[in-house]
């Protein structure tokens, strides 16, 4: 018989083992999550007797001041998959939360249909594409003191304005360190931050700074990569970059399940906490 409950501190070793068996994650990244983010209150598990066979985490966040659960690192032991355990575990977790909505970023395209069957609907994201030449035309350099501020949460809230997943400084710093372990470049300075990769086509996963400082941030990006093309993932509030782009496209990027009467327009769900 499968039992569903919150995890306990005694489950940490089993949770780590299940994580590493299901995801191609760096063990240092897994340890980082358990050091920085884990608590039994946000961790829901399924057990077959004393054996932990499935897990899901509901990270606390908000959208427009409404309590939101971010569904994270859902996994089931391979020999138990296909028996509806994850479906039951997600329902159990959400029924035992007081969230008004739940957001998740499916790891693969095939998982969109799985979450659709659980009552989730897609949310979309705008991607602004720039050639290197276009960014060079916008970029500016200026003498500045490279001092990282401590309250990136405040800058992020000011830039994104509304309809976005709120993350506090603890989660933001976790995202910086987690992604650095996978080669994502992180620039932090006194006017904001940016996360991007160094491929030939560079994905700028999140850029957070006021419009007046965007040219300086672009200059910082250009100095750290030789990429020819840049795809910026942006919120609707980041109109400066959207208006300057060579091309703007829209794609599915995550899913939402509403758990109350509260509904909102499309939600910006970036910051790479997956």
C-alpha atoms as a PDB file:
ATOM      1  CA  UNK A   1       0.000   0.000   0.000  1.00  0.00           C
ATOM      2  CA  UNK A   2       1.293   3.454  -0.935  1.00  0.00           C
ATOM      3  CA  UNK A   3       1.106   6.124   1.774  1.00  0.00           C
ATOM      4  CA  UNK A   4       1.385   9.867   1.156  1.00  0.00           C
ATOM      5  CA  UNK A   5       2.788  12.372   3.627  1.00  0.00           C
ATOM      6  CA  UNK A   6       5.247  15.171   4.220  1.00  0.00           C
ATOM      7  CA  UNK A   7       8.879  14.137   4.328  1.00  0.00           C
ATOM      8  CA  UNK A   8      10.961  14.220   7.500  1.00  0.00           C
ATOM      9  CA  UNK A   9      14.610  15.057   8.030  1.00  0.00           C
ATOM     10  CA  UNK A  10      15.245  11.319   8.245  1.00  0.00           C
ATOM     11  CA  UNK A  11      14.251  11.026   4.570  1.00  0.00           C
ATOM     12  CA  UNK A  12      17.017  13.283   3.254  1.00  0.00           C
ATOM     13  CA  UNK A  13      19.375  10.500   2.149  1.00  0.00           C
ATOM     14  CA  UNK A  14      16.550   8.680   0.348  1.00  0.00           C
ATOM     15  CA  UNK A  15      15.395  11.920  -1.280  1.00  0.00           C
ATOM     16  CA  UNK A  16      18.898  12.635  -2.555  1.00  0.00           C
ATOM     17  CA  UNK A  17      19.229   9.105  -3.906  1.00  0.00           C
ATOM     18  CA  UNK A  18      15.878   9.337  -5.727  1.00  0.00           C
ATOM     19  CA  UNK A  19      16.875  12.731  -7.144  1.00  0.00           C
ATOM     20  CA  UNK A  20      20.201  11.467  -8.502  1.00  0.00           C
ATOM     21  CA  UNK A  21      18.580   8.315  -9.919  1.00  0.00           C
ATOM     22  CA  UNK A  22      16.035  10.353 -11.902  1.00  0.00           C
ATOM     23  CA  UNK A  23      17.822  13.540 -12.916  1.00  0.00           C
ATOM     24  CA  UNK A  24      21.197  14.053 -14.544  1.00  0.00           C
ATOM     25  CA  UNK A  25      22.207  16.466 -11.822  1.00  0.00           C
ATOM     26  CA  UNK A  26      25.566  17.306 -10.353  1.00  0.00           C
ATOM     27  CA  UNK A  27      25.661  15.913  -6.788  1.00  0.00           C
ATOM     28  CA  UNK A  28      26.955  19.315  -5.659  1.00  0.00           C
ATOM     29  CA  UNK A  29      23.787  20.901  -7.052  1.00  0.00           C
ATOM     30  CA  UNK A  30      21.632  18.424  -5.136  1.00  0.00           C
ATOM     31  CA  UNK A  31      23.535  19.146  -1.929  1.00  0.00           C
ATOM     32  CA  UNK A  32      23.057  22.865  -2.584  1.00  0.00           C
ATOM     33  CA  UNK A  33      19.275  22.410  -2.724  1.00  0.00           C
ATOM     34  CA  UNK A  34      19.190  20.487   0.544  1.00  0.00           C
ATOM     35  CA  UNK A  35      21.509  22.982   2.228  1.00  0.00           C
ATOM     36  CA  UNK A  36      19.661  26.095   1.056  1.00  0.00           C
ATOM     37  CA  UNK A  37      16.036  25.248   0.223  1.00  0.00           C
ATOM     38  CA  UNK A  38      14.862  21.917   1.651  1.00  0.00           C
ATOM     39  CA  UNK A  39      12.418  21.713   4.516  1.00  0.00           C
ATOM     40  CA  UNK A  40       9.952  18.930   5.384  1.00  0.00           C
ATOM     41  CA  UNK A  41       7.044  21.385   5.082  1.00  0.00           C
ATOM     42  CA  UNK A  42       7.556  21.844   1.327  1.00  0.00           C
ATOM     43  CA  UNK A  43       8.439  18.197   0.614  1.00  0.00           C
ATOM     44  CA  UNK A  44       5.791  15.571  -0.136  1.00  0.00           C
ATOM     45  CA  UNK A  45       6.549  11.883  -0.546  1.00  0.00           C
ATOM     46  CA  UNK A  46       4.985   8.549  -1.356  1.00  0.00           C
ATOM     47  CA  UNK A  47       6.190   5.490   0.510  1.00  0.00           C
ATOM     48  CA  UNK A  48       5.700   1.793   0.013  1.00  0.00           C
ATOM     49  CA  UNK A  49       6.117   0.658   3.586  1.00  0.00           C
ATOM     50  CA  UNK A  50       9.430   2.186   4.658  1.00  0.00           C
ATOM     51  CA  UNK A  51      10.637   2.680   1.085  1.00  0.00           C
ATOM     52  CA  UNK A  52      10.432   6.198  -0.336  1.00  0.00           C
ATOM     53  CA  UNK A  53       9.301   5.809  -3.961  1.00  0.00           C
ATOM     54  CA  UNK A  54       8.167   9.270  -5.095  1.00  0.00           C
ATOM     55  CA  UNK A  55       8.746  12.926  -4.190  1.00  0.00           C
ATOM     56  CA  UNK A  56       7.659  16.425  -5.116  1.00  0.00           C
ATOM     57  CA  UNK A  57       8.524  19.832  -3.684  1.00  0.00           C
ATOM     58  CA  UNK A  58       6.166  22.814  -3.476  1.00  0.00           C
ATOM     59  CA  UNK A  59       8.340  25.908  -3.157  1.00  0.00           C
ATOM     60  CA  UNK A  60       6.601  28.922  -1.638  1.00  0.00           C
ATOM     61  CA  UNK A  61       6.238  31.897  -3.958  1.00  0.00           C
ATOM     62  CA  UNK A  62       3.587  34.436  -4.996  1.00  0.00           C
ATOM     63  CA  UNK A  63       1.975  35.923  -8.092  1.00  0.00           C
ATOM     64  CA  UNK A  64       0.578  39.421  -7.607  1.00  0.00           C
ATOM     65  CA  UNK A  65       0.418  38.818  -3.862  1.00  0.00           C
ATOM     66  CA  UNK A  66      -1.476  35.518  -4.219  1.00  0.00           C
ATOM     67  CA  UNK A  67       0.110  32.479  -2.593  1.00  0.00           C
ATOM     68  CA  UNK A  68       1.596  30.225  -5.239  1.00  0.00           C
ATOM     69  CA  UNK A  69       3.202  26.789  -5.165  1.00  0.00           C
ATOM     70  CA  UNK A  70       6.105  26.149  -7.533  1.00  0.00           C
ATOM     71  CA  UNK A  71       6.106  22.420  -8.256  1.00  0.00           C
ATOM     72  CA  UNK A  72       9.726  21.307  -8.380  1.00  0.00           C
ATOM     73  CA  UNK A  73      11.817  18.144  -8.848  1.00  0.00           C
ATOM     74  CA  UNK A  74       8.960  15.671  -9.136  1.00  0.00           C
ATOM     75  CA  UNK A  75      10.303  12.118  -9.458  1.00  0.00           C
ATOM     76  CA  UNK A  76       9.209   8.506  -8.986  1.00  0.00           C
ATOM     77  CA  UNK A  77      11.420   5.431  -8.607  1.00  0.00           C
ATOM     78  CA  UNK A  78      11.568   3.808 -12.041  1.00  0.00           C
ATOM     79  CA  UNK A  79      10.162   0.458 -10.938  1.00  0.00           C
ATOM     80  CA  UNK A  80       7.078   2.233  -9.534  1.00  0.00           C
ATOM     81  CA  UNK A  81       6.373   4.458 -12.536  1.00  0.00           C
ATOM     82  CA  UNK A  82       3.160   4.047 -14.526  1.00  0.00           C
ATOM     83  CA  UNK A  83       1.000   3.285 -11.493  1.00  0.00           C
ATOM     84  CA  UNK A  84      -0.478   6.748 -10.928  1.00  0.00           C
ATOM     85  CA  UNK A  85       1.672   7.445  -7.871  1.00  0.00           C
ATOM     86  CA  UNK A  86       2.866  10.865  -9.060  1.00  0.00           C
ATOM     87  CA  UNK A  87      -0.675  11.885  -9.999  1.00  0.00           C
ATOM     88  CA  UNK A  88      -1.855  10.989  -6.509  1.00  0.00           C
ATOM     89  CA  UNK A  89       1.160  12.645  -4.883  1.00  0.00           C
ATOM     90  CA  UNK A  90       0.661  15.951  -6.718  1.00  0.00           C
ATOM     91  CA  UNK A  91      -3.025  15.952  -5.767  1.00  0.00           C
ATOM     92  CA  UNK A  92      -2.132  15.154  -2.156  1.00  0.00           C
ATOM     93  CA  UNK A  93       0.472  17.924  -2.038  1.00  0.00           C
ATOM     94  CA  UNK A  94      -1.809  20.559  -3.525  1.00  0.00           C
ATOM     95  CA  UNK A  95      -4.726  19.528  -1.328  1.00  0.00           C
ATOM     96  CA  UNK A  96      -2.482  20.009   1.700  1.00  0.00           C
ATOM     97  CA  UNK A  97      -1.223  23.410   0.647  1.00  0.00           C
ATOM     98  CA  UNK A  98      -3.085  26.701   0.902  1.00  0.00           C
ATOM     99  CA  UNK A  99      -1.865  27.900  -2.480  1.00  0.00           C
ATOM    100  CA  UNK A 100      -4.216  29.679  -4.857  1.00  0.00           C
ATOM    101  CA  UNK A 101      -2.318  28.504  -7.918  1.00  0.00           C
ATOM    102  CA  UNK A 102       0.496  26.131  -8.817  1.00  0.00           C
ATOM    103  CA  UNK A 103       3.162  26.684 -11.484  1.00  0.00           C
ATOM    104  CA  UNK A 104       5.626  24.177 -12.890  1.00  0.00           C
ATOM    105  CA  UNK A 105       8.207  24.068 -15.684  1.00  0.00           C
ATOM    106  CA  UNK A 106       7.994  20.594 -17.284  1.00  0.00           C
ATOM    107  CA  UNK A 107      11.460  19.241 -18.007  1.00  0.00           C
ATOM    108  CA  UNK A 108      10.443  17.698 -21.353  1.00  0.00           C
ATOM    109  CA  UNK A 109       7.786  18.358 -23.973  1.00  0.00           C
ATOM    110  CA  UNK A 110       6.123  15.004 -23.221  1.00  0.00           C
ATOM    111  CA  UNK A 111       5.401  16.099 -19.648  1.00  0.00           C
ATOM    112  CA  UNK A 112       3.052  18.837 -20.860  1.00  0.00           C
ATOM    113  CA  UNK A 113       0.405  16.204 -21.606  1.00  0.00           C
ATOM    114  CA  UNK A 114       0.952  14.619 -18.183  1.00  0.00           C
ATOM    115  CA  UNK A 115       0.364  17.909 -16.387  1.00  0.00           C
ATOM    116  CA  UNK A 116      -2.562  18.754 -18.672  1.00  0.00           C
ATOM    117  CA  UNK A 117      -4.273  15.618 -17.363  1.00  0.00           C
ATOM    118  CA  UNK A 118      -3.730  17.008 -13.849  1.00  0.00           C
ATOM    119  CA  UNK A 119      -5.608  20.205 -14.696  1.00  0.00           C
ATOM    120  CA  UNK A 120      -2.644  22.393 -15.695  1.00  0.00           C
ATOM    121  CA  UNK A 121      -2.746  24.737 -18.690  1.00  0.00           C
ATOM    122  CA  UNK A 122       0.254  26.142 -20.595  1.00  0.00           C
ATOM    123  CA  UNK A 123       1.758  29.542 -19.932  1.00  0.00           C
ATOM    124  CA  UNK A 124       3.780  31.254 -22.633  1.00  0.00           C
ATOM    125  CA  UNK A 125       6.908  33.336 -22.712  1.00  0.00           C
ATOM    126  CA  UNK A 126       8.258  35.946 -25.084  1.00  0.00           C
ATOM    127  CA  UNK A 127      11.724  35.506 -26.561  1.00  0.00           C
ATOM    128  CA  UNK A 128      13.454  38.517 -28.079  1.00  0.00           C
ATOM    129  CA  UNK A 129      16.149  37.615 -30.618  1.00  0.00           C
ATOM    130  CA  UNK A 130      19.098  39.907 -31.346  1.00  0.00           C
ATOM    131  CA  UNK A 131      22.102  39.595 -33.627  1.00  0.00           C
ATOM    132  CA  UNK A 132      25.435  40.444 -32.057  1.00  0.00           C
ATOM    133  CA  UNK A 133      25.552  43.580 -34.214  1.00  0.00           C
ATOM    134  CA  UNK A 134      22.168  44.709 -32.892  1.00  0.00           C
ATOM    135  CA  UNK A 135      23.352  44.326 -29.299  1.00  0.00           C
ATOM    136  CA  UNK A 136      26.584  46.138 -30.074  1.00  0.00           C
ATOM    137  CA  UNK A 137      24.538  49.071 -31.371  1.00  0.00           C
ATOM    138  CA  UNK A 138      22.620  49.236 -28.079  1.00  0.00           C
ATOM    139  CA  UNK A 139      25.466  48.500 -25.676  1.00  0.00           C
ATOM    140  CA  UNK A 140      27.373  51.147 -23.766  1.00  0.00           C
ATOM    141  CA  UNK A 141      30.299  50.970 -21.394  1.00  0.00           C
ATOM    142  CA  UNK A 142      31.000  53.277 -18.514  1.00  0.00           C
ATOM    143  CA  UNK A 143      33.327  53.318 -15.513  1.00  0.00           C
ATOM    144  CA  UNK A 144      31.500  51.654 -12.674  1.00  0.00           C
ATOM    145  CA  UNK A 145      32.167  49.956  -9.394  1.00  0.00           C
ATOM    146  CA  UNK A 146      31.368  46.233  -9.668  1.00  0.00           C
ATOM    147  CA  UNK A 147      29.703  45.889  -6.281  1.00  0.00           C
ATOM    148  CA  UNK A 148      26.967  43.287  -5.978  1.00  0.00           C
ATOM    149  CA  UNK A 149      23.956  44.532  -4.074  1.00  0.00           C
ATOM    150  CA  UNK A 150      22.300  42.340  -1.470  1.00  0.00           C
ATOM    151  CA  UNK A 151      18.671  42.968  -2.411  1.00  0.00           C
ATOM    152  CA  UNK A 152      18.246  41.616  -5.934  1.00  0.00           C
ATOM    153  CA  UNK A 153      14.707  40.680  -4.946  1.00  0.00           C
ATOM    154  CA  UNK A 154      13.787  44.363  -4.746  1.00  0.00           C
ATOM    155  CA  UNK A 155      15.285  45.150  -8.159  1.00  0.00           C
ATOM    156  CA  UNK A 156      13.541  42.136  -9.695  1.00  0.00           C
ATOM    157  CA  UNK A 157      10.165  43.166  -8.304  1.00  0.00           C
ATOM    158  CA  UNK A 158      10.594  46.710  -9.637  1.00  0.00           C
ATOM    159  CA  UNK A 159      11.615  45.555 -13.126  1.00  0.00           C
ATOM    160  CA  UNK A 160       9.021  42.802 -13.617  1.00  0.00           C
ATOM    161  CA  UNK A 161       6.149  44.775 -12.029  1.00  0.00           C
ATOM    162  CA  UNK A 162       3.344  42.165 -12.132  1.00  0.00           C
ATOM    163  CA  UNK A 163       2.284  38.696 -13.293  1.00  0.00           C
ATOM    164  CA  UNK A 164       5.572  37.051 -12.336  1.00  0.00           C
ATOM    165  CA  UNK A 165       6.726  34.414  -9.872  1.00  0.00           C
ATOM    166  CA  UNK A 166       8.103  36.214  -6.841  1.00  0.00           C
ATOM    167  CA  UNK A 167      11.374  34.866  -5.426  1.00  0.00           C
ATOM    168  CA  UNK A 168      13.081  36.134  -2.307  1.00  0.00           C
ATOM    169  CA  UNK A 169      16.824  36.707  -2.010  1.00  0.00           C
ATOM    170  CA  UNK A 170      17.387  33.177  -0.674  1.00  0.00           C
ATOM    171  CA  UNK A 171      15.921  31.608  -3.815  1.00  0.00           C
ATOM    172  CA  UNK A 172      17.628  34.093  -6.135  1.00  0.00           C
ATOM    173  CA  UNK A 173      21.052  33.356  -4.646  1.00  0.00           C
ATOM    174  CA  UNK A 174      20.301  29.623  -4.863  1.00  0.00           C
ATOM    175  CA  UNK A 175      19.541  30.068  -8.586  1.00  0.00           C
ATOM    176  CA  UNK A 176      22.831  31.932  -9.090  1.00  0.00           C
ATOM    177  CA  UNK A 177      24.916  29.232  -7.422  1.00  0.00           C
ATOM    178  CA  UNK A 178      22.944  26.278  -8.838  1.00  0.00           C
ATOM    179  CA  UNK A 179      23.267  27.495 -12.421  1.00  0.00           C
ATOM    180  CA  UNK A 180      26.934  28.382 -12.021  1.00  0.00           C
ATOM    181  CA  UNK A 181      27.580  24.692 -11.352  1.00  0.00           C
ATOM    182  CA  UNK A 182      26.302  23.964 -14.882  1.00  0.00           C
ATOM    183  CA  UNK A 183      28.356  26.597 -16.669  1.00  0.00           C
ATOM    184  CA  UNK A 184      25.685  29.294 -16.837  1.00  0.00           C
ATOM    185  CA  UNK A 185      27.357  32.690 -16.664  1.00  0.00           C
ATOM    186  CA  UNK A 186      26.094  34.960 -13.908  1.00  0.00           C
ATOM    187  CA  UNK A 187      26.800  38.686 -13.844  1.00  0.00           C
ATOM    188  CA  UNK A 188      25.971  40.464 -10.581  1.00  0.00           C
ATOM    189  CA  UNK A 189      26.664  44.126 -10.097  1.00  0.00           C
ATOM    190  CA  UNK A 190      25.270  47.255  -8.507  1.00  0.00           C
ATOM    191  CA  UNK A 191      22.423  47.711 -10.998  1.00  0.00           C
ATOM    192  CA  UNK A 192      21.123  44.175 -11.451  1.00  0.00           C
ATOM    193  CA  UNK A 193      22.006  40.711 -12.708  1.00  0.00           C
ATOM    194  CA  UNK A 194      21.874  38.475 -15.753  1.00  0.00           C
ATOM    195  CA  UNK A 195      22.120  34.712 -16.346  1.00  0.00           C
ATOM    196  CA  UNK A 196      23.137  33.474 -19.810  1.00  0.00           C
ATOM    197  CA  UNK A 197      25.039  30.714 -21.587  1.00  0.00           C
ATOM    198  CA  UNK A 198      28.059  30.949 -23.868  1.00  0.00           C
ATOM    199  CA  UNK A 199      26.880  28.897 -26.848  1.00  0.00           C
ATOM    200  CA  UNK A 200      26.999  30.156 -30.453  1.00  0.00           C
ATOM    201  CA  UNK A 201      23.355  31.043 -29.941  1.00  0.00           C
ATOM    202  CA  UNK A 202      23.307  32.409 -26.413  1.00  0.00           C
ATOM    203  CA  UNK A 203      20.182  32.082 -24.292  1.00  0.00           C
ATOM    204  CA  UNK A 204      19.791  34.947 -21.845  1.00  0.00           C
ATOM    205  CA  UNK A 205      17.705  33.194 -19.222  1.00  0.00           C
ATOM    206  CA  UNK A 206      16.979  36.293 -17.173  1.00  0.00           C
ATOM    207  CA  UNK A 207      18.135  39.901 -17.311  1.00  0.00           C
ATOM    208  CA  UNK A 208      17.121  42.134 -14.423  1.00  0.00           C
ATOM    209  CA  UNK A 209      17.928  45.833 -14.420  1.00  0.00           C
ATOM    210  CA  UNK A 210      16.112  49.102 -15.031  1.00  0.00           C
ATOM    211  CA  UNK A 211      15.784  50.189 -18.667  1.00  0.00           C
ATOM    212  CA  UNK A 212      18.327  52.964 -18.227  1.00  0.00           C
ATOM    213  CA  UNK A 213      20.965  50.371 -17.283  1.00  0.00           C
ATOM    214  CA  UNK A 214      20.189  47.811 -20.011  1.00  0.00           C
ATOM    215  CA  UNK A 215      22.910  49.136 -22.400  1.00  0.00           C
ATOM    216  CA  UNK A 216      25.550  48.695 -19.697  1.00  0.00           C
ATOM    217  CA  UNK A 217      24.374  45.170 -18.925  1.00  0.00           C
ATOM    218  CA  UNK A 218      24.454  44.335 -22.645  1.00  0.00           C
ATOM    219  CA  UNK A 219      28.052  45.510 -22.783  1.00  0.00           C
ATOM    220  CA  UNK A 220      28.902  43.186 -19.889  1.00  0.00           C
ATOM    221  CA  UNK A 221      27.271  40.254 -21.716  1.00  0.00           C
ATOM    222  CA  UNK A 222      29.138  40.958 -24.953  1.00  0.00           C
ATOM    223  CA  UNK A 223      32.493  40.985 -23.195  1.00  0.00           C
ATOM    224  CA  UNK A 224      31.916  37.465 -21.829  1.00  0.00           C
ATOM    225  CA  UNK A 225      30.705  35.617 -24.927  1.00  0.00           C
ATOM    226  CA  UNK A 226      31.496  35.459 -28.645  1.00  0.00           C
ATOM    227  CA  UNK A 227      27.950  34.376 -29.511  1.00  0.00           C
ATOM    228  CA  UNK A 228      26.524  35.607 -32.830  1.00  0.00           C
ATOM    229  CA  UNK A 229      22.861  35.409 -31.808  1.00  0.00           C
ATOM    230  CA  UNK A 230      21.133  36.073 -28.487  1.00  0.00           C
ATOM    231  CA  UNK A 231      17.696  34.907 -27.345  1.00  0.00           C
ATOM    232  CA  UNK A 232      16.410  36.895 -24.371  1.00  0.00           C
ATOM    233  CA  UNK A 233      13.589  35.390 -22.294  1.00  0.00           C
ATOM    234  CA  UNK A 234      11.544  38.367 -21.182  1.00  0.00           C
ATOM    235  CA  UNK A 235       8.446  39.389 -19.299  1.00  0.00           C
ATOM    236  CA  UNK A 236       5.800  41.665 -20.788  1.00  0.00           C
ATOM    237  CA  UNK A 237       7.155  44.425 -18.522  1.00  0.00           C
ATOM    238  CA  UNK A 238      10.558  44.451 -20.243  1.00  0.00           C
ATOM    239  CA  UNK A 239       9.347  46.563 -23.150  1.00  0.00           C
ATOM    240  CA  UNK A 240      12.666  48.263 -23.835  1.00  0.00           C
ATOM    241  CA  UNK A 241      14.290  45.034 -25.049  1.00  0.00           C
ATOM    242  CA  UNK A 242      11.101  43.757 -26.661  1.00  0.00           C
ATOM    243  CA  UNK A 243      10.833  46.967 -28.699  1.00  0.00           C
ATOM    244  CA  UNK A 244      14.472  46.823 -29.858  1.00  0.00           C
ATOM    245  CA  UNK A 245      14.586  43.137 -30.828  1.00  0.00           C
ATOM    246  CA  UNK A 246      15.225  41.875 -34.347  1.00  0.00           C
ATOM    247  CA  UNK A 247      12.418  39.364 -33.771  1.00  0.00           C
ATOM    248  CA  UNK A 248       9.987  38.507 -30.974  1.00  0.00           C
ATOM    249  CA  UNK A 249       8.437  35.052 -30.705  1.00  0.00           C
ATOM    250  CA  UNK A 250       6.199  33.304 -28.217  1.00  0.00           C
ATOM    251  CA  UNK A 251       6.408  29.733 -26.940  1.00  0.00           C
ATOM    252  CA  UNK A 252       5.032  27.529 -24.202  1.00  0.00           C
ATOM    253  CA  UNK A 253       7.158  27.850 -21.101  1.00  0.00           C
ATOM    254  CA  UNK A 254       5.611  26.189 -18.101  1.00  0.00           C
ATOM    255  CA  UNK A 255       2.124  25.350 -16.875  1.00  0.00           C
ATOM    256  CA  UNK A 256      -0.288  26.661 -14.266  1.00  0.00           C
ATOM    257  CA  UNK A 257      -3.124  25.066 -12.329  1.00  0.00           C
ATOM    258  CA  UNK A 258      -5.575  27.396 -10.633  1.00  0.00           C
ATOM    259  CA  UNK A 259      -6.691  26.213  -7.205  1.00  0.00           C
ATOM    260  CA  UNK A 260      -9.107  29.033  -6.350  1.00  0.00           C
ATOM    261  CA  UNK A 261     -11.248  31.638  -8.070  1.00  0.00           C
ATOM    262  CA  UNK A 262      -8.165  33.789  -8.639  1.00  0.00           C
ATOM    263  CA  UNK A 263      -6.986  33.932 -12.264  1.00  0.00           C
ATOM    264  CA  UNK A 264      -4.389  36.111 -13.933  1.00  0.00           C
ATOM    265  CA  UNK A 265      -2.921  36.886 -17.310  1.00  0.00           C
ATOM    266  CA  UNK A 266       0.103  35.019 -18.549  1.00  0.00           C
ATOM    267  CA  UNK A 267       2.701  34.434 -15.817  1.00  0.00           C
ATOM    268  CA  UNK A 268       6.422  35.068 -16.218  1.00  0.00           C
ATOM    269  CA  UNK A 269       8.076  32.032 -14.619  1.00  0.00           C
ATOM    270  CA  UNK A 270      11.810  32.379 -15.270  1.00  0.00           C
ATOM    271  CA  UNK A 271      14.901  32.327 -13.038  1.00  0.00           C
ATOM    272  CA  UNK A 272      15.954  28.737 -13.720  1.00  0.00           C
ATOM    273  CA  UNK A 273      15.114  27.050 -10.461  1.00  0.00           C
ATOM    274  CA  UNK A 274      14.800  23.738 -12.302  1.00  0.00           C
END
